[in-house]
Amino acid sequence: MIGAFDHVLLAAPPRCEDALRTYYTDVLGMVELPGPPALAVRGGCWFQAGAVQLHLAIESGFRPARKAHPGLRVGGIEACAARLESRGATVVRDGDLPGHRRFHSDDPVGNRLEFLEAVEGSAVGAP
């Protein structure tokens, strides 16, 4: 019945849109999408890379997601990690997922993001 995710929404604190734009466009290379006018008045930002959309919605009393996170598939995970590190983002590598290389990083408001790439020739498929 479900064919794909349409988007993933993360929360963010008020007045952080400029930091989010810098991170998601300049650091991650995503494209900002215009939000629908009825939703744009609430603040926040929408971003896209390929078929992946991340929406960041403003939430008063915001607390970053520390365990819950989107898992983002990347090609060239070491280059991706180096790009993030060169732009000041922390990269925490984790070898605990069989058949994959992965790391975690936080966006500017503290939301956890997972970046992963399947190991070529691995018998383990996509999680």
Protein backbone atom coordinates (compact mmCIF):
# COMPACT_ATOMS: atom_id res chain seq x y z
CA MET A 1 0.00 0.00 0.00
CA ILE A 2 2.74 2.54 0.90
CA GLY A 3 5.06 3.16 -2.03
CA ALA A 4 7.54 5.72 -0.70
CA PHE A 5 8.06 8.51 1.78
CA ASP A 6 6.84 11.88 0.58
CA HIS A 7 8.99 13.79 3.09
CA VAL A 8 10.50 13.73 6.56
CA LEU A 9 9.70 16.57 8.95
CA LEU A 10 12.06 17.72 11.69
CA ALA A 11 11.31 20.39 14.25
CA ALA A 12 13.38 23.53 14.74
CA PRO A 13 13.32 26.49 17.14
CA PRO A 14 11.94 29.90 16.18
CA ARG A 15 14.14 32.27 14.14
CA CYS A 16 16.70 29.67 13.00
CA GLU A 17 15.86 29.61 9.29
CA ASP A 18 19.07 31.34 8.17
CA ALA A 19 21.24 28.74 9.95
CA LEU A 20 19.12 25.94 8.50
CA ARG A 21 19.42 27.38 4.98
CA THR A 22 23.19 27.60 5.28
CA TYR A 23 23.51 24.04 6.53
CA TYR A 24 21.05 22.28 4.26
CA THR A 25 22.00 24.15 1.07
CA ASP A 26 25.69 25.07 1.49
CA VAL A 27 26.85 22.11 3.57
CA LEU A 28 24.55 19.29 2.37
CA GLY A 29 23.99 20.64 -1.14
CA MET A 30 20.21 20.45 -1.01
CA VAL A 31 17.92 22.87 -2.83
CA GLU A 32 15.46 24.99 -0.86
CA LEU A 33 11.86 24.61 -1.96
CA PRO A 34 9.24 27.32 -1.48
CA GLY A 35 6.69 26.24 1.08
CA PRO A 36 3.01 26.56 0.25
CA PRO A 37 1.86 30.07 1.26
CA ALA A 38 -0.54 28.77 3.91
CA LEU A 39 2.34 26.91 5.61
CA ALA A 40 5.15 29.39 4.89
CA VAL A 41 3.63 31.96 7.26
CA ARG A 42 4.41 29.55 10.11
CA GLY A 43 8.15 29.74 9.39
CA GLY A 44 10.52 26.89 8.76
CA CYS A 45 12.14 25.65 5.54
CA TRP A 46 11.73 22.88 2.97
CA PHE A 47 14.69 21.25 1.20
CA GLN A 48 15.15 18.62 -1.51
CA ALA A 49 17.95 16.46 -2.94
CA GLY A 50 16.81 14.04 -5.66
CA ALA A 51 13.64 12.38 -4.40
CA VAL A 52 14.42 13.20 -0.75
CA GLN A 53 12.56 16.07 0.91
CA LEU A 54 13.24 17.36 4.41
CA HIS A 55 10.84 19.85 5.96
CA LEU A 56 11.84 21.78 9.05
CA ALA A 57 8.91 23.18 11.00
CA ILE A 58 9.13 25.78 13.74
CA GLU A 59 8.14 24.50 17.16
CA SER A 60 8.00 26.62 20.29
CA GLY A 61 9.58 24.75 23.18
CA PHE A 62 11.76 22.92 20.63
CA ARG A 63 14.01 20.09 21.76
CA PRO A 64 16.25 18.43 19.14
CA ALA A 65 15.63 14.83 18.13
CA ARG A 66 18.55 12.93 19.69
CA LYS A 67 17.57 9.36 18.84
CA ALA A 68 14.92 9.70 16.12
CA HIS A 69 16.53 10.72 12.83
CA PRO A 70 16.27 10.50 9.06
CA GLY A 71 18.69 8.07 7.42
CA LEU A 72 20.09 9.63 4.25
CA ARG A 73 21.66 7.37 1.61
CA VAL A 74 24.74 8.89 0.02
CA GLY A 75 27.25 7.92 -2.65
CA GLY A 76 30.87 8.49 -1.66
CA ILE A 77 30.39 8.52 2.09
CA GLU A 78 33.98 9.51 2.90
CA ALA A 79 33.75 12.53 0.59
CA CYS A 80 30.43 13.41 2.22
CA ALA A 81 31.97 13.19 5.70
CA ALA A 82 34.96 15.28 4.61
CA ARG A 83 32.63 17.94 3.16
CA LEU A 84 30.71 18.19 6.43
CA GLU A 85 33.89 18.31 8.53
CA SER A 86 35.46 20.97 6.28
CA ARG A 87 32.39 23.14 6.92
CA GLY A 88 32.58 22.74 10.70
CA ALA A 89 30.07 19.92 11.22
CA THR A 90 30.88 17.09 13.62
CA VAL A 91 31.01 13.62 12.08
CA VAL A 92 30.67 10.55 14.32
CA ARG A 93 31.50 7.36 12.45
CA ASP A 94 29.72 4.14 13.39
CA GLY A 95 30.51 0.68 12.05
CA ASP A 96 27.64 -1.11 13.81
CA LEU A 97 25.34 -1.58 10.79
CA PRO A 98 26.43 -4.69 8.84
CA GLY A 99 26.92 -4.13 5.12
CA HIS A 100 27.08 -0.34 5.42
CA ARG A 101 29.42 2.53 6.11
CA ARG A 102 27.73 5.25 8.10
CA PHE A 103 28.13 8.28 10.28
CA HIS A 104 25.94 10.63 12.25
CA SER A 105 26.02 14.41 12.36
CA ASP A 106 23.83 17.13 13.85
CA ASP A 107 22.21 19.99 11.99
CA PRO A 108 22.69 23.52 13.42
CA VAL A 109 19.77 23.14 15.85
CA GLY A 110 20.87 19.72 17.14
CA ASN A 111 18.73 17.32 15.10
CA ARG A 112 20.54 14.04 14.50
CA LEU A 113 21.06 12.94 10.88
CA GLU A 114 22.38 9.57 9.73
CA PHE A 115 24.34 9.24 6.48
CA LEU A 116 24.85 5.75 5.09
CA GLU A 117 26.21 3.92 2.08
CA ALA A 118 25.94 0.21 1.31
CA VAL A 119 29.26 -1.62 1.11
CA GLU A 120 29.74 -2.90 -2.43
CA GLY A 121 29.57 -6.67 -2.63
CA SER A 122 27.97 -6.99 0.79
CA ALA A 123 25.42 -9.78 1.23
CA VAL A 124 23.38 -7.46 3.42
CA GLY A 125 20.81 -5.39 1.53
CA ALA A 126 19.23 -2.08 2.40
CA PRO A 127 18.03 -1.83 6.00
